[in-house]
Amino acid sequence: TVNLMIDNLRPEDTAVYYCAADFRAWCPDQADPDFEYWGQ
């Protein structure tokens, strides 16, 4: 399980939130949408 907590929710946070998995040892240094597996 991987959790995500967001404090002090704002209307601008309205969105569909996805988790995703990618075959890497380390997280990227900058945003990278190239993840292999995605949730619904």
PDB file of all heavy atoms in Angstrom:
ATOM      1  N   THR A   1       0.825  -1.195   0.000  1.00  0.00           N
ATOM      2  CA  THR A   1       0.000   0.000   0.000  1.00  0.00           C
ATOM      3  C   THR A   1       0.865   1.254   0.000  1.00  0.00           C
ATOM      4  O   THR A   1       1.880   1.316   0.699  1.00  0.00           O
ATOM      5  CB  THR A   1      -0.922   0.022   1.229  1.00  0.00           C
ATOM      6  OG1 THR A   1      -1.797  -1.114   1.189  1.00  0.00           O
ATOM      7  CG2 THR A   1      -1.755   1.290   1.261  1.00  0.00           C
ATOM      8  N   VAL A   2       0.467   2.226  -0.785  1.00  0.00           N
ATOM      9  CA  VAL A   2       1.091   3.539  -0.795  1.00  0.00           C
ATOM     10  C   VAL A   2       0.001   4.569  -0.562  1.00  0.00           C
ATOM     11  O   VAL A   2      -1.012   4.576  -1.259  1.00  0.00           O
ATOM     12  CB  VAL A   2       1.827   3.814  -2.115  1.00  0.00           C
ATOM     13  CG1 VAL A   2       2.478   5.195  -2.076  1.00  0.00           C
ATOM     14  CG2 VAL A   2       2.879   2.748  -2.367  1.00  0.00           C
ATOM     15  N   ASN A   3       0.231   5.433   0.413  1.00  0.00           N
ATOM     16  CA  ASN A   3      -0.765   6.427   0.777  1.00  0.00           C
ATOM     17  C   ASN A   3      -0.365   7.810   0.287  1.00  0.00           C
ATOM     18  O   ASN A   3       0.810   8.109   0.091  1.00  0.00           O
ATOM     19  CB  ASN A   3      -0.953   6.472   2.288  1.00  0.00           C
ATOM     20  CG  ASN A   3      -1.514   5.185   2.851  1.00  0.00           C
ATOM     21  OD1 ASN A   3      -2.310   4.507   2.193  1.00  0.00           O
ATOM     22  ND2 ASN A   3      -1.119   4.840   4.063  1.00  0.00           N
ATOM     23  N   LEU A   4      -1.358   8.644   0.124  1.00  0.00           N
ATOM     24  CA  LEU A   4      -1.155  10.053  -0.174  1.00  0.00           C
ATOM     25  C   LEU A   4      -2.069  10.857   0.731  1.00  0.00           C
ATOM     26  O   LEU A   4      -3.280  10.633   0.747  1.00  0.00           O
ATOM     27  CB  LEU A   4      -1.478  10.365  -1.639  1.00  0.00           C
ATOM     28  CG  LEU A   4      -1.252  11.813  -2.067  1.00  0.00           C
ATOM     29  CD1 LEU A   4       0.239  12.087  -2.242  1.00  0.00           C
ATOM     30  CD2 LEU A   4      -2.005  12.126  -3.358  1.00  0.00           C
ATOM     31  N   MET A   5      -1.486  11.778   1.489  1.00  0.00           N
ATOM     32  CA  MET A   5      -2.262  12.670   2.330  1.00  0.00           C
ATOM     33  C   MET A   5      -2.097  14.097   1.844  1.00  0.00           C
ATOM     34  O   MET A   5      -0.980  14.535   1.562  1.00  0.00           O
ATOM     35  CB  MET A   5      -1.835  12.566   3.798  1.00  0.00           C
ATOM     36  CG  MET A   5      -2.182  11.259   4.460  1.00  0.00           C
ATOM     37  SD  MET A   5      -2.005  11.333   6.267  1.00  0.00           S
ATOM     38  CE  MET A   5      -0.277  11.777   6.403  1.00  0.00           C
ATOM     39  N   ILE A   6      -3.197  14.796   1.748  1.00  0.00           N
ATOM     40  CA  ILE A   6      -3.191  16.197   1.368  1.00  0.00           C
ATOM     41  C   ILE A   6      -3.873  16.982   2.472  1.00  0.00           C
ATOM     42  O   ILE A   6      -5.021  16.697   2.826  1.00  0.00           O
ATOM     43  CB  ILE A   6      -3.904  16.439   0.028  1.00  0.00           C
ATOM     44  CG1 ILE A   6      -3.256  15.600  -1.077  1.00  0.00           C
ATOM     45  CG2 ILE A   6      -3.859  17.917  -0.338  1.00  0.00           C
ATOM     46  CD1 ILE A   6      -3.987  15.667  -2.399  1.00  0.00           C
ATOM     47  N   ASP A   7      -3.166  17.960   2.998  1.00  0.00           N
ATOM     48  CA  ASP A   7      -3.695  18.811   4.058  1.00  0.00           C
ATOM     49  C   ASP A   7      -4.371  20.036   3.472  1.00  0.00           C
ATOM     50  O   ASP A   7      -4.057  20.479   2.362  1.00  0.00           O
ATOM     51  CB  ASP A   7      -2.569  19.264   4.992  1.00  0.00           C
ATOM     52  CG  ASP A   7      -1.877  18.124   5.697  1.00  0.00           C
ATOM     53  OD1 ASP A   7      -2.540  17.119   6.014  1.00  0.00           O
ATOM     54  OD2 ASP A   7      -0.651  18.236   5.942  1.00  0.00           O
ATOM     55  N   ASN A   8      -5.286  20.599   4.249  1.00  0.00           N
ATOM     56  CA  ASN A   8      -5.901  21.877   3.912  1.00  0.00           C
ATOM     57  C   ASN A   8      -6.422  21.887   2.479  1.00  0.00           C
ATOM     58  O   ASN A   8      -6.019  22.709   1.651  1.00  0.00           O
ATOM     59  CB  ASN A   8      -4.902  23.013   4.133  1.00  0.00           C
ATOM     60  CG  ASN A   8      -5.544  24.379   4.092  1.00  0.00           C
ATOM     61  OD1 ASN A   8      -6.747  24.521   4.313  1.00  0.00           O
ATOM     62  ND2 ASN A   8      -4.749  25.403   3.790  1.00  0.00           N
ATOM     63  N   LEU A   9      -7.327  20.989   2.198  1.00  0.00           N
ATOM     64  CA  LEU A   9      -7.865  20.858   0.850  1.00  0.00           C
ATOM     65  C   LEU A   9      -8.475  22.153   0.352  1.00  0.00           C
ATOM     66  O   LEU A   9      -9.129  22.888   1.101  1.00  0.00           O
ATOM     67  CB  LEU A   9      -8.907  19.751   0.796  1.00  0.00           C
ATOM     68  CG  LEU A   9      -8.368  18.322   0.784  1.00  0.00           C
ATOM     69  CD1 LEU A   9      -9.494  17.334   1.025  1.00  0.00           C
ATOM     70  CD2 LEU A   9      -7.671  18.027  -0.539  1.00  0.00           C
ATOM     71  N   ARG A  10      -8.273  22.420  -0.914  1.00  0.00           N
ATOM     72  CA  ARG A  10      -8.787  23.601  -1.587  1.00  0.00           C
ATOM     73  C   ARG A  10      -9.614  23.182  -2.795  1.00  0.00           C
ATOM     74  O   ARG A  10      -9.422  22.089  -3.326  1.00  0.00           O
ATOM     75  CB  ARG A  10      -7.629  24.490  -2.052  1.00  0.00           C
ATOM     76  CG  ARG A  10      -6.649  24.874  -0.959  1.00  0.00           C
ATOM     77  CD  ARG A  10      -5.394  25.492  -1.547  1.00  0.00           C
ATOM     78  NE  ARG A  10      -4.430  25.853  -0.517  1.00  0.00           N
ATOM     79  CZ  ARG A  10      -3.194  26.246  -0.764  1.00  0.00           C
ATOM     80  NH1 ARG A  10      -2.763  26.351  -2.024  1.00  0.00           N
ATOM     81  NH2 ARG A  10      -2.382  26.555   0.236  1.00  0.00           N
ATOM     82  N   PRO A  11     -10.521  24.035  -3.258  1.00  0.00           N
ATOM     83  CA  PRO A  11     -11.276  23.691  -4.467  1.00  0.00           C
ATOM     84  C   PRO A  11     -10.376  23.371  -5.656  1.00  0.00           C
ATOM     85  O   PRO A  11     -10.746  22.540  -6.491  1.00  0.00           O
ATOM     86  CB  PRO A  11     -12.110  24.949  -4.722  1.00  0.00           C
ATOM     87  CG  PRO A  11     -12.308  25.533  -3.364  1.00  0.00           C
ATOM     88  CD  PRO A  11     -11.016  25.265  -2.630  1.00  0.00           C
ATOM     89  N   GLU A  12      -9.216  23.998  -5.729  1.00  0.00           N
ATOM     90  CA  GLU A  12      -8.283  23.743  -6.818  1.00  0.00           C
ATOM     91  C   GLU A  12      -7.707  22.333  -6.781  1.00  0.00           C
ATOM     92  O   GLU A  12      -7.087  21.901  -7.757  1.00  0.00           O
ATOM     93  CB  GLU A  12      -7.127  24.748  -6.788  1.00  0.00           C
ATOM     94  CG  GLU A  12      -7.566  26.200  -6.793  1.00  0.00           C
ATOM     95  CD  GLU A  12      -7.779  26.727  -5.388  1.00  0.00           C
ATOM     96  OE1 GLU A  12      -6.778  27.088  -4.729  1.00  0.00           O
ATOM     97  OE2 GLU A  12      -8.945  26.774  -4.940  1.00  0.00           O
ATOM     98  N   ASP A  13      -7.885  21.624  -5.679  1.00  0.00           N
ATOM     99  CA  ASP A  13      -7.423  20.249  -5.586  1.00  0.00           C
ATOM    100  C   ASP A  13      -8.391  19.267  -6.226  1.00  0.00           C
ATOM    101  O   ASP A  13      -8.091  18.069  -6.297  1.00  0.00           O
ATOM    102  CB  ASP A  13      -7.205  19.858  -4.126  1.00  0.00           C
ATOM    103  CG  ASP A  13      -6.098  20.655  -3.466  1.00  0.00           C
ATOM    104  OD1 ASP A  13      -5.090  20.954  -4.139  1.00  0.00           O
ATOM    105  OD2 ASP A  13      -6.238  20.973  -2.266  1.00  0.00           O
ATOM    106  N   THR A  14      -9.534  19.734  -6.672  1.00  0.00           N
ATOM    107  CA  THR A  14     -10.506  18.864  -7.328  1.00  0.00           C
ATOM    108  C   THR A  14      -9.892  18.254  -8.578  1.00  0.00           C
ATOM    109  O   THR A  14      -9.449  18.963  -9.483  1.00  0.00           O
ATOM    110  CB  THR A  14     -11.770  19.642  -7.692  1.00  0.00           C
ATOM    111  OG1 THR A  14     -12.413  20.094  -6.492  1.00  0.00           O
ATOM    112  CG2 THR A  14     -12.744  18.762  -8.468  1.00  0.00           C
ATOM    113  N   ALA A  15      -9.856  16.940  -8.627  1.00  0.00           N
ATOM    114  CA  ALA A  15      -9.221  16.233  -9.733  1.00  0.00           C
ATOM    115  C   ALA A  15      -9.448  14.740  -9.547  1.00  0.00           C
ATOM    116  O   ALA A  15      -9.911  14.281  -8.496  1.00  0.00           O
ATOM    117  CB  ALA A  15      -7.721  16.532  -9.790  1.00  0.00           C
ATOM    118  N   VAL A  16      -9.101  13.995 -10.574  1.00  0.00           N
ATOM    119  CA  VAL A  16      -8.990  12.556 -10.452  1.00  0.00           C
ATOM    120  C   VAL A  16      -7.557  12.243 -10.047  1.00  0.00           C
ATOM    121  O   VAL A  16      -6.607  12.709 -10.688  1.00  0.00           O
ATOM    122  CB  VAL A  16      -9.349  11.833 -11.760  1.00  0.00           C
ATOM    123  CG1 VAL A  16      -9.168  10.328 -11.607  1.00  0.00           C
ATOM    124  CG2 VAL A  16     -10.785  12.149 -12.161  1.00  0.00           C
ATOM    125  N   TYR A  17      -7.401  11.473  -9.000  1.00  0.00           N
ATOM    126  CA  TYR A  17      -6.089  11.136  -8.477  1.00  0.00           C
ATOM    127  C   TYR A  17      -5.752   9.695  -8.833  1.00  0.00           C
ATOM    128  O   TYR A  17      -6.555   8.786  -8.627  1.00  0.00           O
ATOM    129  CB  TYR A  17      -6.058  11.326  -6.958  1.00  0.00           C
ATOM    130  CG  TYR A  17      -6.015  12.779  -6.557  1.00  0.00           C
ATOM    131  CD1 TYR A  17      -7.144  13.581  -6.686  1.00  0.00           C
ATOM    132  CD2 TYR A  17      -4.841  13.354  -6.071  1.00  0.00           C
ATOM    133  CE1 TYR A  17      -7.105  14.924  -6.341  1.00  0.00           C
ATOM    134  CE2 TYR A  17      -4.797  14.690  -5.722  1.00  0.00           C
ATOM    135  CZ  TYR A  17      -5.935  15.473  -5.855  1.00  0.00           C
ATOM    136  OH  TYR A  17      -5.889  16.799  -5.505  1.00  0.00           O
ATOM    137  N   TYR A  18      -4.559   9.499  -9.357  1.00  0.00           N
ATOM    138  CA  TYR A  18      -4.102   8.200  -9.813  1.00  0.00           C
ATOM    139  C   TYR A  18      -2.830   7.785  -9.082  1.00  0.00           C
ATOM    140  O   TYR A  18      -1.964   8.617  -8.816  1.00  0.00           O
ATOM    141  CB  TYR A  18      -3.767   8.225 -11.305  1.00  0.00           C
ATOM    142  CG  TYR A  18      -4.894   8.616 -12.223  1.00  0.00           C
ATOM    143  CD1 TYR A  18      -5.128   9.946 -12.543  1.00  0.00           C
ATOM    144  CD2 TYR A  18      -5.709   7.649 -12.793  1.00  0.00           C
ATOM    145  CE1 TYR A  18      -6.154  10.307 -13.399  1.00  0.00           C
ATOM    146  CE2 TYR A  18      -6.731   7.997 -13.653  1.00  0.00           C
ATOM    147  CZ  TYR A  18      -6.948   9.327 -13.953  1.00  0.00           C
ATOM    148  OH  TYR A  18      -7.956   9.684 -14.803  1.00  0.00           O
ATOM    149  N   CYS A  19      -2.709   6.511  -8.791  1.00  0.00           N
ATOM    150  CA  CYS A  19      -1.413   5.977  -8.425  1.00  0.00           C
ATOM    151  C   CYS A  19      -0.853   5.207  -9.610  1.00  0.00           C
ATOM    152  O   CYS A  19      -1.595   4.740 -10.484  1.00  0.00           O
ATOM    153  CB  CYS A  19      -1.470   5.096  -7.172  1.00  0.00           C
ATOM    154  SG  CYS A  19      -2.431   3.578  -7.312  1.00  0.00           S
ATOM    155  N   ALA A  20       0.462   5.105  -9.656  1.00  0.00           N
ATOM    156  CA  ALA A  20       1.129   4.466 -10.774  1.00  0.00           C
ATOM    157  C   ALA A  20       2.430   3.840 -10.308  1.00  0.00           C
ATOM    158  O   ALA A  20       3.034   4.280  -9.327  1.00  0.00           O
ATOM    159  CB  ALA A  20       1.402   5.483 -11.888  1.00  0.00           C
ATOM    160  N   ALA A  21       2.860   2.809 -11.013  1.00  0.00           N
ATOM    161  CA  ALA A  21       4.093   2.097 -10.700  1.00  0.00           C
ATOM    162  C   ALA A  21       5.007   2.088 -11.909  1.00  0.00           C
ATOM    163  O   ALA A  21       4.546   1.980 -13.048  1.00  0.00           O
ATOM    164  CB  ALA A  21       3.787   0.668 -10.256  1.00  0.00           C
ATOM    165  N   ASP A  22       6.303   2.193 -11.645  1.00  0.00           N
ATOM    166  CA  ASP A  22       7.273   2.147 -12.731  1.00  0.00           C
ATOM    167  C   ASP A  22       8.516   1.393 -12.292  1.00  0.00           C
ATOM    168  O   ASP A  22       8.909   1.446 -11.116  1.00  0.00           O
ATOM    169  CB  ASP A  22       7.646   3.557 -13.187  1.00  0.00           C
ATOM    170  CG  ASP A  22       8.182   3.579 -14.606  1.00  0.00           C
ATOM    171  OD1 ASP A  22       7.530   3.002 -15.498  1.00  0.00           O
ATOM    172  OD2 ASP A  22       9.256   4.180 -14.826  1.00  0.00           O
ATOM    173  N   PHE A  23       9.120   0.713 -13.238  1.00  0.00           N
ATOM    174  CA  PHE A  23      10.289  -0.129 -12.990  1.00  0.00           C
ATOM    175  C   PHE A  23      11.527   0.750 -12.860  1.00  0.00           C
ATOM    176  O   PHE A  23      12.263   0.974 -13.825  1.00  0.00           O
ATOM    177  CB  PHE A  23      10.441  -1.141 -14.124  1.00  0.00           C
ATOM    178  CG  PHE A  23      11.494  -2.187 -13.894  1.00  0.00           C
ATOM    179  CD1 PHE A  23      11.270  -3.221 -13.003  1.00  0.00           C
ATOM    180  CD2 PHE A  23      12.699  -2.146 -14.571  1.00  0.00           C
ATOM    181  CE1 PHE A  23      12.224  -4.202 -12.782  1.00  0.00           C
ATOM    182  CE2 PHE A  23      13.665  -3.123 -14.368  1.00  0.00           C
ATOM    183  CZ  PHE A  23      13.427  -4.150 -13.469  1.00  0.00           C
ATOM    184  N   ARG A  24      11.730   1.277 -11.677  1.00  0.00           N
ATOM    185  CA  ARG A  24      12.867   2.135 -11.371  1.00  0.00           C
ATOM    186  C   ARG A  24      13.331   1.862  -9.947  1.00  0.00           C
ATOM    187  O   ARG A  24      12.547   1.457  -9.094  1.00  0.00           O
ATOM    188  CB  ARG A  24      12.519   3.622 -11.472  1.00  0.00           C
ATOM    189  CG  ARG A  24      11.772   4.048 -12.705  1.00  0.00           C
ATOM    190  CD  ARG A  24      11.566   5.550 -12.684  1.00  0.00           C
ATOM    191  NE  ARG A  24      10.612   5.993 -13.684  1.00  0.00           N
ATOM    192  CZ  ARG A  24      10.526   7.232 -14.141  1.00  0.00           C
ATOM    193  NH1 ARG A  24      11.350   8.170 -13.686  1.00  0.00           N
ATOM    194  NH2 ARG A  24       9.606   7.544 -15.042  1.00  0.00           N
ATOM    195  N   ALA A  25      14.604   2.110  -9.692  1.00  0.00           N
ATOM    196  CA  ALA A  25      15.133   1.991  -8.337  1.00  0.00           C
ATOM    197  C   ALA A  25      14.962   3.284  -7.553  1.00  0.00           C
ATOM    198  O   ALA A  25      14.822   3.249  -6.327  1.00  0.00           O
ATOM    199  CB  ALA A  25      16.608   1.592  -8.373  1.00  0.00           C
ATOM    200  N   TRP A  26      14.990   4.406  -8.243  1.00  0.00           N
ATOM    201  CA  TRP A  26      14.912   5.710  -7.617  1.00  0.00           C
ATOM    202  C   TRP A  26      13.858   6.563  -8.290  1.00  0.00           C
ATOM    203  O   TRP A  26      13.585   6.410  -9.477  1.00  0.00           O
ATOM    204  CB  TRP A  26      16.268   6.419  -7.672  1.00  0.00           C
ATOM    205  CG  TRP A  26      17.356   5.661  -6.999  1.00  0.00           C
ATOM    206  CD1 TRP A  26      18.281   4.855  -7.585  1.00  0.00           C
ATOM    207  CD2 TRP A  26      17.627   5.621  -5.595  1.00  0.00           C
ATOM    208  NE1 TRP A  26      19.107   4.311  -6.642  1.00  0.00           N
ATOM    209  CE2 TRP A  26      18.736   4.768  -5.400  1.00  0.00           C
ATOM    210  CE3 TRP A  26      17.039   6.229  -4.477  1.00  0.00           C
ATOM    211  CZ2 TRP A  26      19.266   4.503  -4.148  1.00  0.00           C
ATOM    212  CZ3 TRP A  26      17.560   5.967  -3.222  1.00  0.00           C
ATOM    213  CH2 TRP A  26      18.666   5.116  -3.069  1.00  0.00           C
ATOM    214  N   CYS A  27      13.319   7.482  -7.531  1.00  0.00           N
ATOM    215  CA  CYS A  27      12.351   8.410  -8.076  1.00  0.00           C
ATOM    216  C   CYS A  27      13.049   9.434  -8.967  1.00  0.00           C
ATOM    217  O   CYS A  27      14.205   9.790  -8.724  1.00  0.00           O
ATOM    218  CB  CYS A  27      11.599   9.124  -6.962  1.00  0.00           C
ATOM    219  SG  CYS A  27      10.487   8.053  -6.031  1.00  0.00           S
ATOM    220  N   PRO A  28      12.353   9.920  -9.973  1.00  0.00           N
ATOM    221  CA  PRO A  28      12.958  10.929 -10.844  1.00  0.00           C
ATOM    222  C   PRO A  28      13.176  12.240 -10.116  1.00  0.00           C
ATOM    223  O   PRO A  28      12.497  12.548  -9.134  1.00  0.00           O
ATOM    224  CB  PRO A  28      11.940  11.083 -11.976  1.00  0.00           C
ATOM    225  CG  PRO A  28      10.643  10.650 -11.372  1.00  0.00           C
ATOM    226  CD  PRO A  28      10.992   9.563 -10.393  1.00  0.00           C
ATOM    227  N   ASP A  29      14.139  13.017 -10.615  1.00  0.00           N
ATOM    228  CA  ASP A  29      14.445  14.304  -9.996  1.00  0.00           C
ATOM    229  C   ASP A  29      13.416  15.371 -10.338  1.00  0.00           C
ATOM    230  O   ASP A  29      13.309  16.377  -9.637  1.00  0.00           O
ATOM    231  CB  ASP A  29      15.831  14.791 -10.416  1.00  0.00           C
ATOM    232  CG  ASP A  29      16.944  13.954  -9.832  1.00  0.00           C
ATOM    233  OD1 ASP A  29      16.761  13.387  -8.739  1.00  0.00           O
ATOM    234  OD2 ASP A  29      18.013  13.870 -10.467  1.00  0.00           O
ATOM    235  N   GLN A  30      12.687  15.164 -11.407  1.00  0.00           N
ATOM    236  CA  GLN A  30      11.647  16.088 -11.806  1.00  0.00           C
ATOM    237  C   GLN A  30      10.426  15.306 -12.257  1.00  0.00           C
ATOM    238  O   GLN A  30      10.493  14.090 -12.453  1.00  0.00           O
ATOM    239  CB  GLN A  30      12.132  17.019 -12.915  1.00  0.00           C
ATOM    240  CG  GLN A  30      12.586  16.305 -14.173  1.00  0.00           C
ATOM    241  CD  GLN A  30      13.185  17.246 -15.194  1.00  0.00           C
ATOM    242  OE1 GLN A  30      13.292  18.451 -14.961  1.00  0.00           O
ATOM    243  NE2 GLN A  30      13.576  16.720 -16.335  1.00  0.00           N
ATOM    244  N   ALA A  31       9.317  16.005 -12.417  1.00  0.00           N
ATOM    245  CA  ALA A  31       8.074  15.357 -12.806  1.00  0.00           C
ATOM    246  C   ALA A  31       8.253  14.534 -14.076  1.00  0.00           C
ATOM    247  O   ALA A  31       8.878  14.979 -15.035  1.00  0.00           O
ATOM    248  CB  ALA A  31       6.984  16.401 -13.006  1.00  0.00           C
ATOM    249  N   ASP A  32       7.692  13.346 -14.053  1.00  0.00           N
ATOM    250  CA  ASP A  32       7.845  12.424 -15.178  1.00  0.00           C
ATOM    251  C   ASP A  32       6.600  11.557 -15.254  1.00  0.00           C
ATOM    252  O   ASP A  32       6.385  10.704 -14.386  1.00  0.00           O
ATOM    253  CB  ASP A  32       9.095  11.575 -14.994  1.00  0.00           C
ATOM    254  CG  ASP A  32       9.381  10.665 -16.177  1.00  0.00           C
ATOM    255  OD1 ASP A  32       8.607  10.671 -17.155  1.00  0.00           O
ATOM    256  OD2 ASP A  32      10.392   9.934 -16.123  1.00  0.00           O
ATOM    257  N   PRO A  33       5.779  11.732 -16.286  1.00  0.00           N
ATOM    258  CA  PRO A  33       4.544  10.956 -16.392  1.00  0.00           C
ATOM    259  C   PRO A  33       4.721   9.560 -16.966  1.00  0.00           C
ATOM    260  O   PRO A  33       3.745   8.826 -17.088  1.00  0.00           O
ATOM    261  CB  PRO A  33       3.694  11.823 -17.338  1.00  0.00           C
ATOM    262  CG  PRO A  33       4.708  12.452 -18.238  1.00  0.00           C
ATOM    263  CD  PRO A  33       5.914  12.718 -17.370  1.00  0.00           C
ATOM    264  N   ASP A  34       5.934   9.180 -17.296  1.00  0.00           N
ATOM    265  CA  ASP A  34       6.191   7.910 -17.967  1.00  0.00           C
ATOM    266  C   ASP A  34       6.263   6.776 -16.954  1.00  0.00           C
ATOM    267  O   ASP A  34       7.333   6.237 -16.671  1.00  0.00           O
ATOM    268  CB  ASP A  34       7.462   8.005 -18.799  1.00  0.00           C
ATOM    269  CG  ASP A  34       7.654   6.798 -19.701  1.00  0.00           C
ATOM    270  OD1 ASP A  34       6.686   6.062 -19.944  1.00  0.00           O
ATOM    271  OD2 ASP A  34       8.789   6.592 -20.168  1.00  0.00           O
ATOM    272  N   PHE A  35       5.103   6.408 -16.417  1.00  0.00           N
ATOM    273  CA  PHE A  35       4.981   5.277 -15.517  1.00  0.00           C
ATOM    274  C   PHE A  35       4.253   4.149 -16.225  1.00  0.00           C
ATOM    275  O   PHE A  35       3.337   4.391 -17.017  1.00  0.00           O
ATOM    276  CB  PHE A  35       4.226   5.673 -14.246  1.00  0.00           C
ATOM    277  CG  PHE A  35       5.094   6.298 -13.185  1.00  0.00           C
ATOM    278  CD1 PHE A  35       5.893   7.388 -13.472  1.00  0.00           C
ATOM    279  CD2 PHE A  35       5.094   5.793 -11.892  1.00  0.00           C
ATOM    280  CE1 PHE A  35       6.693   7.965 -12.504  1.00  0.00           C
ATOM    281  CE2 PHE A  35       5.879   6.363 -10.905  1.00  0.00           C
ATOM    282  CZ  PHE A  35       6.682   7.445 -11.208  1.00  0.00           C
ATOM    283  N   GLU A  36       4.641   2.933 -15.922  1.00  0.00           N
ATOM    284  CA  GLU A  36       4.172   1.781 -16.680  1.00  0.00           C
ATOM    285  C   GLU A  36       2.753   1.360 -16.332  1.00  0.00           C
ATOM    286  O   GLU A  36       1.927   1.121 -17.218  1.00  0.00           O
ATOM    287  CB  GLU A  36       5.129   0.612 -16.488  1.00  0.00           C
ATOM    288  CG  GLU A  36       4.770  -0.624 -17.306  1.00  0.00           C
ATOM    289  CD  GLU A  36       5.800  -1.726 -17.155  1.00  0.00           C
ATOM    290  OE1 GLU A  36       6.747  -1.566 -16.347  1.00  0.00           O
ATOM    291  OE2 GLU A  36       5.674  -2.755 -17.844  1.00  0.00           O
ATOM    292  N   TYR A  37       2.472   1.232 -15.050  1.00  0.00           N
ATOM    293  CA  TYR A  37       1.179   0.724 -14.604  1.00  0.00           C
ATOM    294  C   TYR A  37       0.411   1.818 -13.896  1.00  0.00           C
ATOM    295  O   TYR A  37       0.980   2.591 -13.120  1.00  0.00           O
ATOM    296  CB  TYR A  37       1.358  -0.468 -13.668  1.00  0.00           C
ATOM    297  CG  TYR A  37       2.052  -1.642 -14.296  1.00  0.00           C
ATOM    298  CD1 TYR A  37       3.287  -2.069 -13.833  1.00  0.00           C
ATOM    299  CD2 TYR A  37       1.469  -2.331 -15.352  1.00  0.00           C
ATOM    300  CE1 TYR A  37       3.932  -3.149 -14.404  1.00  0.00           C
ATOM    301  CE2 TYR A  37       2.107  -3.412 -15.927  1.00  0.00           C
ATOM    302  CZ  TYR A  37       3.336  -3.822 -15.447  1.00  0.00           C
ATOM    303  OH  TYR A  37       3.975  -4.897 -16.016  1.00  0.00           O
ATOM    304  N   TRP A  38      -0.896   1.834 -14.146  1.00  0.00           N
ATOM    305  CA  TRP A  38      -1.761   2.883 -13.607  1.00  0.00           C
ATOM    306  C   TRP A  38      -3.013   2.299 -12.990  1.00  0.00           C
ATOM    307  O   TRP A  38      -3.563   1.305 -13.480  1.00  0.00           O
ATOM    308  CB  TRP A  38      -2.175   3.861 -14.715  1.00  0.00           C
ATOM    309  CG  TRP A  38      -1.031   4.667 -15.228  1.00  0.00           C
ATOM    310  CD1 TRP A  38      -0.090   4.284 -16.129  1.00  0.00           C
ATOM    311  CD2 TRP A  38      -0.710   6.010 -14.860  1.00  0.00           C
ATOM    312  NE1 TRP A  38       0.812   5.300 -16.349  1.00  0.00           N
ATOM    313  CE2 TRP A  38       0.454   6.369 -15.583  1.00  0.00           C
ATOM    314  CE3 TRP A  38      -1.279   6.945 -13.995  1.00  0.00           C
ATOM    315  CZ2 TRP A  38       1.044   7.624 -15.459  1.00  0.00           C
ATOM    316  CZ3 TRP A  38      -0.697   8.190 -13.872  1.00  0.00           C
ATOM    317  CH2 TRP A  38       0.449   8.523 -14.599  1.00  0.00           C
ATOM    318  N   GLY A  39      -3.458   2.933 -11.919  1.00  0.00           N
ATOM    319  CA  GLY A  39      -4.752   2.614 -11.363  1.00  0.00           C
ATOM    320  C   GLY A  39      -5.856   3.292 -12.136  1.00  0.00           C
ATOM    321  O   GLY A  39      -5.625   4.052 -13.083  1.00  0.00           O
ATOM    322  N   GLN A  40      -7.079   3.021 -11.724  1.00  0.00           N
ATOM    323  CA  GLN A  40      -8.237   3.558 -12.433  1.00  0.00           C
ATOM    324  C   GLN A  40      -8.561   4.990 -12.034  1.00  0.00           C
ATOM    325  O   GLN A  40      -9.334   5.666 -12.717  1.00  0.00           O
ATOM    326  CB  GLN A  40      -9.458   2.667 -12.182  1.00  0.00           C
ATOM    327  CG  GLN A  40     -10.183   2.912 -10.863  1.00  0.00           C
ATOM    328  CD  GLN A  40      -9.422   2.434  -9.635  1.00  0.00           C
ATOM    329  OE1 GLN A  40      -8.426   1.722  -9.727  1.00  0.00           O
ATOM    330  NE2 GLN A  40      -9.907   2.831  -8.455  1.00  0.00           N
TER     331      GLN A  40
END
